Amino acid sequence: MNAKGQHVILDYIGFVGDGEWVLSILKHAVERSDVREVHAHVSEFDGSESPPGFAAVVLIDESHITAHCYAEEGILAVDCFTCGGADPNAIADDIHNQLVAENPEVSLVQRTQVERFLH
């Protein structure tokens, strides 16, 4: 089977930070890549309806780059999903390097790559 897309998944523990900061990291990684941003948004959750944390997304013409955080638990999930010829690994590496440089307590506990749009 052939794949039309790739999905890189990163899971972190020990994360401290807010959604606006992470959204800026995602956006900068997209700017430095060969994909095109279509839209970006972050929603911060104060704990009144959802657990404290945030969800951030950068929609790209090739798919999406997202982050979701459970702030009280210090866990952060990032995914980089691209289609066609764009390599999500370069974007994931950029995001990881930025997170670790500015948040040395954070630890990557899982990195997985999955082929998508199998046909």
N, C-alpha and C. Protein backbone atom coordinates (compact mmCIF):
# COMPACT_ATOMS: atom_id res chain seq x y z
N MET A 1 0.84 -1.19 0.00
CA MET A 1 0.00 0.00 0.00
C MET A 1 0.88 1.25 0.00
N ASN A 2 0.38 2.28 -0.64
CA ASN A 2 1.06 3.57 -0.66
C ASN A 2 0.39 4.52 0.32
N ALA A 3 1.15 5.44 0.86
CA ALA A 3 0.63 6.46 1.77
C ALA A 3 0.66 7.81 1.09
N LYS A 4 -0.37 8.59 1.30
CA LYS A 4 -0.44 9.95 0.76
C LYS A 4 -0.05 10.98 1.82
N GLY A 5 0.03 10.54 3.08
CA GLY A 5 0.36 11.46 4.16
C GLY A 5 1.15 10.79 5.27
N GLN A 6 1.73 11.61 6.13
CA GLN A 6 2.48 11.15 7.29
C GLN A 6 2.01 11.92 8.51
N HIS A 7 1.95 11.23 9.65
CA HIS A 7 1.47 11.83 10.88
C HIS A 7 2.51 11.55 11.96
N VAL A 8 3.12 12.58 12.52
CA VAL A 8 4.09 12.44 13.59
C VAL A 8 3.43 12.90 14.89
N ILE A 9 3.50 12.04 15.91
CA ILE A 9 2.85 12.29 17.19
C ILE A 9 3.92 12.38 18.27
N LEU A 10 3.86 13.46 19.07
CA LEU A 10 4.81 13.68 20.15
C LEU A 10 4.04 13.82 21.47
N ASP A 11 4.47 13.11 22.50
CA ASP A 11 3.86 13.23 23.84
C ASP A 11 4.93 13.65 24.84
N TYR A 12 4.59 14.65 25.66
CA TYR A 12 5.52 15.21 26.63
C TYR A 12 4.95 15.17 28.03
N ILE A 13 5.85 15.09 29.01
CA ILE A 13 5.50 15.28 30.41
C ILE A 13 6.38 16.41 30.94
N GLY A 14 5.98 16.98 32.08
CA GLY A 14 6.75 18.05 32.68
C GLY A 14 6.60 19.38 31.97
N PHE A 15 5.53 19.53 31.20
CA PHE A 15 5.33 20.75 30.44
C PHE A 15 4.78 21.87 31.33
N VAL A 16 5.35 23.07 31.17
CA VAL A 16 4.85 24.28 31.81
C VAL A 16 4.81 25.35 30.74
N GLY A 17 3.66 25.95 30.53
CA GLY A 17 3.54 27.00 29.53
C GLY A 17 2.08 27.23 29.19
N ASP A 18 1.84 28.26 28.39
CA ASP A 18 0.46 28.57 28.02
C ASP A 18 0.23 28.36 26.53
N GLY A 19 -1.01 28.43 26.15
CA GLY A 19 -1.40 28.15 24.78
C GLY A 19 -0.88 29.15 23.76
N GLU A 20 -0.86 30.43 24.11
CA GLU A 20 -0.36 31.44 23.17
C GLU A 20 1.11 31.19 22.85
N TRP A 21 1.89 30.83 23.86
CA TRP A 21 3.31 30.54 23.65
C TRP A 21 3.49 29.34 22.73
N VAL A 22 2.72 28.27 22.99
CA VAL A 22 2.83 27.08 22.15
C VAL A 22 2.35 27.37 20.74
N LEU A 23 1.26 28.12 20.60
CA LEU A 23 0.80 28.48 19.26
C LEU A 23 1.89 29.22 18.49
N SER A 24 2.62 30.11 19.16
CA SER A 24 3.70 30.82 18.47
C SER A 24 4.80 29.85 18.04
N ILE A 25 5.08 28.83 18.84
CA ILE A 25 6.06 27.80 18.47
C ILE A 25 5.59 27.05 17.23
N LEU A 26 4.33 26.64 17.22
CA LEU A 26 3.77 25.92 16.07
C LEU A 26 3.85 26.78 14.81
N LYS A 27 3.43 28.05 14.94
CA LYS A 27 3.43 28.96 13.79
C LYS A 27 4.85 29.19 13.25
N HIS A 28 5.81 29.37 14.14
CA HIS A 28 7.19 29.58 13.69
C HIS A 28 7.74 28.33 12.98
N ALA A 29 7.40 27.15 13.49
CA ALA A 29 7.86 25.93 12.83
C ALA A 29 7.25 25.82 11.43
N VAL A 30 5.99 26.19 11.28
CA VAL A 30 5.34 26.17 9.97
C VAL A 30 6.00 27.20 9.05
N GLU A 31 6.28 28.40 9.56
CA GLU A 31 6.91 29.45 8.75
C GLU A 31 8.26 28.99 8.20
N ARG A 32 8.99 28.19 8.99
CA ARG A 32 10.33 27.76 8.57
C ARG A 32 10.29 26.48 7.70
N SER A 33 9.11 25.96 7.47
CA SER A 33 8.98 24.73 6.69
C SER A 33 8.55 25.05 5.26
N ASP A 34 8.25 23.99 4.51
CA ASP A 34 7.78 24.18 3.14
C ASP A 34 6.27 23.98 3.03
N VAL A 35 5.54 24.21 4.13
CA VAL A 35 4.07 24.15 4.10
C VAL A 35 3.52 25.56 4.27
N ARG A 36 2.24 25.73 3.95
CA ARG A 36 1.61 27.06 3.99
C ARG A 36 0.51 27.10 5.03
N GLU A 37 0.60 28.08 5.95
CA GLU A 37 -0.43 28.28 6.97
C GLU A 37 -1.70 28.80 6.32
N VAL A 38 -2.83 28.23 6.73
CA VAL A 38 -4.14 28.67 6.26
C VAL A 38 -4.87 29.43 7.37
N HIS A 39 -4.75 28.94 8.61
CA HIS A 39 -5.43 29.55 9.76
C HIS A 39 -4.74 29.07 11.03
N ALA A 40 -4.78 29.88 12.07
CA ALA A 40 -4.23 29.47 13.37
C ALA A 40 -5.14 29.97 14.48
N HIS A 41 -5.25 29.16 15.54
CA HIS A 41 -6.13 29.52 16.66
C HIS A 41 -5.70 28.75 17.90
N VAL A 42 -5.91 29.37 19.05
CA VAL A 42 -5.71 28.69 20.33
C VAL A 42 -6.93 28.97 21.21
N SER A 43 -7.36 27.95 21.94
CA SER A 43 -8.40 28.10 22.95
C SER A 43 -7.81 27.69 24.29
N GLU A 44 -7.87 28.61 25.24
CA GLU A 44 -7.39 28.36 26.60
C GLU A 44 -8.59 27.87 27.43
N PHE A 45 -8.37 26.87 28.25
CA PHE A 45 -9.42 26.30 29.10
C PHE A 45 -9.09 26.62 30.55
N ASP A 46 -10.03 27.27 31.25
CA ASP A 46 -9.79 27.71 32.62
C ASP A 46 -10.23 26.71 33.68
N GLY A 47 -10.76 25.59 33.25
CA GLY A 47 -11.21 24.58 34.20
C GLY A 47 -12.68 24.64 34.52
N SER A 48 -13.38 25.66 34.05
CA SER A 48 -14.81 25.77 34.37
C SER A 48 -15.65 24.78 33.59
N GLU A 49 -15.30 24.50 32.34
CA GLU A 49 -16.04 23.53 31.53
C GLU A 49 -15.19 22.36 31.11
N SER A 50 -13.91 22.59 30.94
CA SER A 50 -12.94 21.56 30.55
C SER A 50 -11.79 21.65 31.53
N PRO A 51 -10.99 20.59 31.66
CA PRO A 51 -9.81 20.69 32.53
C PRO A 51 -8.91 21.84 32.09
N PRO A 52 -8.22 22.49 33.03
CA PRO A 52 -7.33 23.59 32.67
C PRO A 52 -6.28 23.15 31.64
N GLY A 53 -6.04 24.02 30.67
CA GLY A 53 -5.07 23.73 29.62
C GLY A 53 -5.43 24.50 28.37
N PHE A 54 -5.13 23.92 27.22
CA PHE A 54 -5.42 24.59 25.96
C PHE A 54 -5.41 23.60 24.81
N ALA A 55 -5.96 24.05 23.70
CA ALA A 55 -5.85 23.36 22.41
C ALA A 55 -5.43 24.42 21.39
N ALA A 56 -4.40 24.11 20.62
CA ALA A 56 -3.89 25.04 19.61
C ALA A 56 -3.81 24.32 18.28
N VAL A 57 -4.11 25.06 17.21
CA VAL A 57 -4.07 24.45 15.88
C VAL A 57 -3.53 25.45 14.87
N VAL A 58 -2.71 24.94 13.98
CA VAL A 58 -2.31 25.68 12.79
C VAL A 58 -2.76 24.81 11.62
N LEU A 59 -3.79 25.27 10.92
CA LEU A 59 -4.23 24.57 9.73
C LEU A 59 -3.28 24.92 8.60
N ILE A 60 -2.86 23.93 7.89
CA ILE A 60 -1.97 24.14 6.75
C ILE A 60 -2.65 23.58 5.52
N ASP A 61 -2.24 24.02 4.36
CA ASP A 61 -2.89 23.51 3.16
C ASP A 61 -2.63 22.02 2.99
N GLU A 62 -1.63 21.49 3.66
CA GLU A 62 -1.32 20.07 3.61
C GLU A 62 -1.96 19.27 4.75
N SER A 63 -2.61 19.89 5.72
CA SER A 63 -3.36 19.28 6.80
C SER A 63 -3.31 20.12 8.06
N HIS A 64 -2.57 19.68 9.13
CA HIS A 64 -2.60 20.45 10.39
C HIS A 64 -1.41 20.15 11.30
N ILE A 65 -1.16 21.11 12.19
CA ILE A 65 -0.20 20.97 13.27
C ILE A 65 -0.98 21.37 14.53
N THR A 66 -1.02 20.51 15.54
CA THR A 66 -1.82 20.82 16.73
C THR A 66 -1.05 20.52 18.01
N ALA A 67 -1.57 21.12 19.10
CA ALA A 67 -1.06 20.84 20.44
C ALA A 67 -2.24 20.87 21.39
N HIS A 68 -2.22 19.96 22.37
CA HIS A 68 -3.27 19.91 23.38
C HIS A 68 -2.61 19.66 24.72
N CYS A 69 -2.98 20.45 25.73
CA CYS A 69 -2.32 20.40 27.02
C CYS A 69 -3.31 20.22 28.15
N TYR A 70 -2.97 19.33 29.09
CA TYR A 70 -3.63 19.24 30.38
C TYR A 70 -2.67 19.89 31.37
N ALA A 71 -2.91 21.17 31.67
CA ALA A 71 -1.96 21.99 32.42
C ALA A 71 -1.67 21.44 33.82
N GLU A 72 -2.69 21.03 34.55
CA GLU A 72 -2.48 20.56 35.93
C GLU A 72 -1.65 19.29 35.98
N GLU A 73 -1.66 18.52 34.90
CA GLU A 73 -0.88 17.28 34.85
C GLU A 73 0.46 17.47 34.15
N GLY A 74 0.67 18.62 33.54
CA GLY A 74 1.92 18.90 32.85
C GLY A 74 2.15 18.03 31.62
N ILE A 75 1.04 17.60 30.99
CA ILE A 75 1.18 16.77 29.79
C ILE A 75 0.77 17.56 28.55
N LEU A 76 1.51 17.32 27.49
CA LEU A 76 1.32 18.03 26.23
C LEU A 76 1.41 17.02 25.10
N ALA A 77 0.44 17.07 24.20
CA ALA A 77 0.45 16.23 23.00
C ALA A 77 0.54 17.14 21.78
N VAL A 78 1.44 16.80 20.87
CA VAL A 78 1.63 17.56 19.63
C VAL A 78 1.49 16.59 18.48
N ASP A 79 0.81 17.01 17.43
CA ASP A 79 0.80 16.18 16.23
C ASP A 79 1.01 17.03 14.99
N CYS A 80 1.75 16.46 14.07
CA CYS A 80 2.11 17.10 12.80
C CYS A 80 1.66 16.16 11.68
N PHE A 81 0.64 16.56 10.96
CA PHE A 81 0.05 15.73 9.91
C PHE A 81 0.18 16.47 8.59
N THR A 82 0.91 15.89 7.66
CA THR A 82 1.06 16.51 6.34
C THR A 82 0.72 15.51 5.25
N CYS A 83 0.31 16.04 4.13
CA CYS A 83 -0.03 15.22 2.97
C CYS A 83 0.89 15.57 1.82
N GLY A 84 0.93 14.70 0.85
CA GLY A 84 1.75 14.98 -0.32
C GLY A 84 3.23 14.86 -0.01
N GLY A 85 4.02 15.82 -0.50
CA GLY A 85 5.46 15.73 -0.37
C GLY A 85 6.04 16.36 0.88
N ALA A 86 5.25 17.07 1.68
CA ALA A 86 5.78 17.75 2.87
C ALA A 86 6.12 16.73 3.96
N ASP A 87 7.29 16.91 4.59
CA ASP A 87 7.76 16.00 5.62
C ASP A 87 7.42 16.53 7.01
N PRO A 88 6.54 15.85 7.76
CA PRO A 88 6.18 16.33 9.09
C PRO A 88 7.30 16.18 10.11
N ASN A 89 8.31 15.35 9.82
CA ASN A 89 9.41 15.16 10.76
C ASN A 89 10.21 16.44 10.98
N ALA A 90 10.43 17.20 9.93
CA ALA A 90 11.17 18.46 10.06
C ALA A 90 10.41 19.44 10.94
N ILE A 91 9.09 19.50 10.77
CA ILE A 91 8.27 20.39 11.59
C ILE A 91 8.27 19.91 13.04
N ALA A 92 8.12 18.61 13.24
CA ALA A 92 8.14 18.04 14.60
C ALA A 92 9.48 18.30 15.28
N ASP A 93 10.57 18.15 14.55
CA ASP A 93 11.90 18.41 15.11
C ASP A 93 12.03 19.87 15.54
N ASP A 94 11.55 20.78 14.70
CA ASP A 94 11.61 22.20 15.00
C ASP A 94 10.81 22.52 16.28
N ILE A 95 9.60 21.99 16.36
CA ILE A 95 8.76 22.21 17.54
C ILE A 95 9.45 21.65 18.78
N HIS A 96 9.96 20.43 18.68
CA HIS A 96 10.64 19.80 19.82
C HIS A 96 11.82 20.64 20.28
N ASN A 97 12.65 21.08 19.35
CA ASN A 97 13.82 21.88 19.71
C ASN A 97 13.44 23.18 20.42
N GLN A 98 12.37 23.82 19.95
CA GLN A 98 11.91 25.05 20.59
C GLN A 98 11.37 24.78 22.00
N LEU A 99 10.58 23.72 22.14
CA LEU A 99 10.01 23.38 23.45
C LEU A 99 11.10 23.10 24.47
N VAL A 100 12.07 22.29 24.09
CA VAL A 100 13.14 21.89 25.01
C VAL A 100 14.05 23.08 25.35
N ALA A 101 14.32 23.93 24.37
CA ALA A 101 15.19 25.08 24.60
C ALA A 101 14.60 26.05 25.61
N GLU A 102 13.29 26.23 25.58
CA GLU A 102 12.65 27.21 26.44
C GLU A 102 11.94 26.60 27.65
N ASN A 103 11.89 25.29 27.72
CA ASN A 103 11.20 24.59 28.81
C ASN A 103 12.01 23.34 29.15
N PRO A 104 13.19 23.50 29.79
CA PRO A 104 14.09 22.36 29.98
C PRO A 104 13.53 21.23 30.85
N GLU A 105 12.46 21.49 31.59
CA GLU A 105 11.86 20.44 32.41
C GLU A 105 11.04 19.45 31.59
N VAL A 106 10.70 19.81 30.37
CA VAL A 106 9.84 18.97 29.55
C VAL A 106 10.62 17.75 29.05
N SER A 107 9.94 16.60 29.03
CA SER A 107 10.55 15.36 28.55
C SER A 107 9.66 14.71 27.49
N LEU A 108 10.26 14.35 26.38
CA LEU A 108 9.55 13.61 25.34
C LEU A 108 9.45 12.16 25.78
N VAL A 109 8.23 11.64 25.87
CA VAL A 109 8.04 10.25 26.30
C VAL A 109 7.60 9.33 25.17
N GLN A 110 7.17 9.93 24.06
CA GLN A 110 6.78 9.12 22.90
C GLN A 110 6.88 9.95 21.64
N ARG A 111 7.43 9.33 20.61
CA ARG A 111 7.40 9.91 19.27
C ARG A 111 7.04 8.76 18.32
N THR A 112 5.97 8.94 17.60
CA THR A 112 5.47 7.91 16.71
C THR A 112 5.17 8.51 15.34
N GLN A 113 5.43 7.75 14.30
CA GLN A 113 5.07 8.18 12.95
C GLN A 113 4.14 7.14 12.35
N VAL A 114 3.07 7.62 11.76
CA VAL A 114 2.06 6.76 11.16
C VAL A 114 1.83 7.20 9.72
N GLU A 115 1.78 6.25 8.81
CA GLU A 115 1.40 6.56 7.44
C GLU A 115 -0.11 6.75 7.37
N ARG A 116 -0.55 7.75 6.59
CA ARG A 116 -1.97 8.07 6.49
C ARG A 116 -2.39 8.06 5.03
N PHE A 117 -3.69 8.07 4.80
CA PHE A 117 -4.27 8.02 3.46
C PHE A 117 -3.69 6.84 2.69
N LEU A 118 -3.73 5.68 3.32
CA LEU A 118 -3.24 4.48 2.64
C LEU A 118 -4.17 4.12 1.49
N HIS A 119 -3.56 3.73 0.38
CA HIS A 119 -4.37 3.33 -0.79
C HIS A 119 -3.59 2.33 -1.62
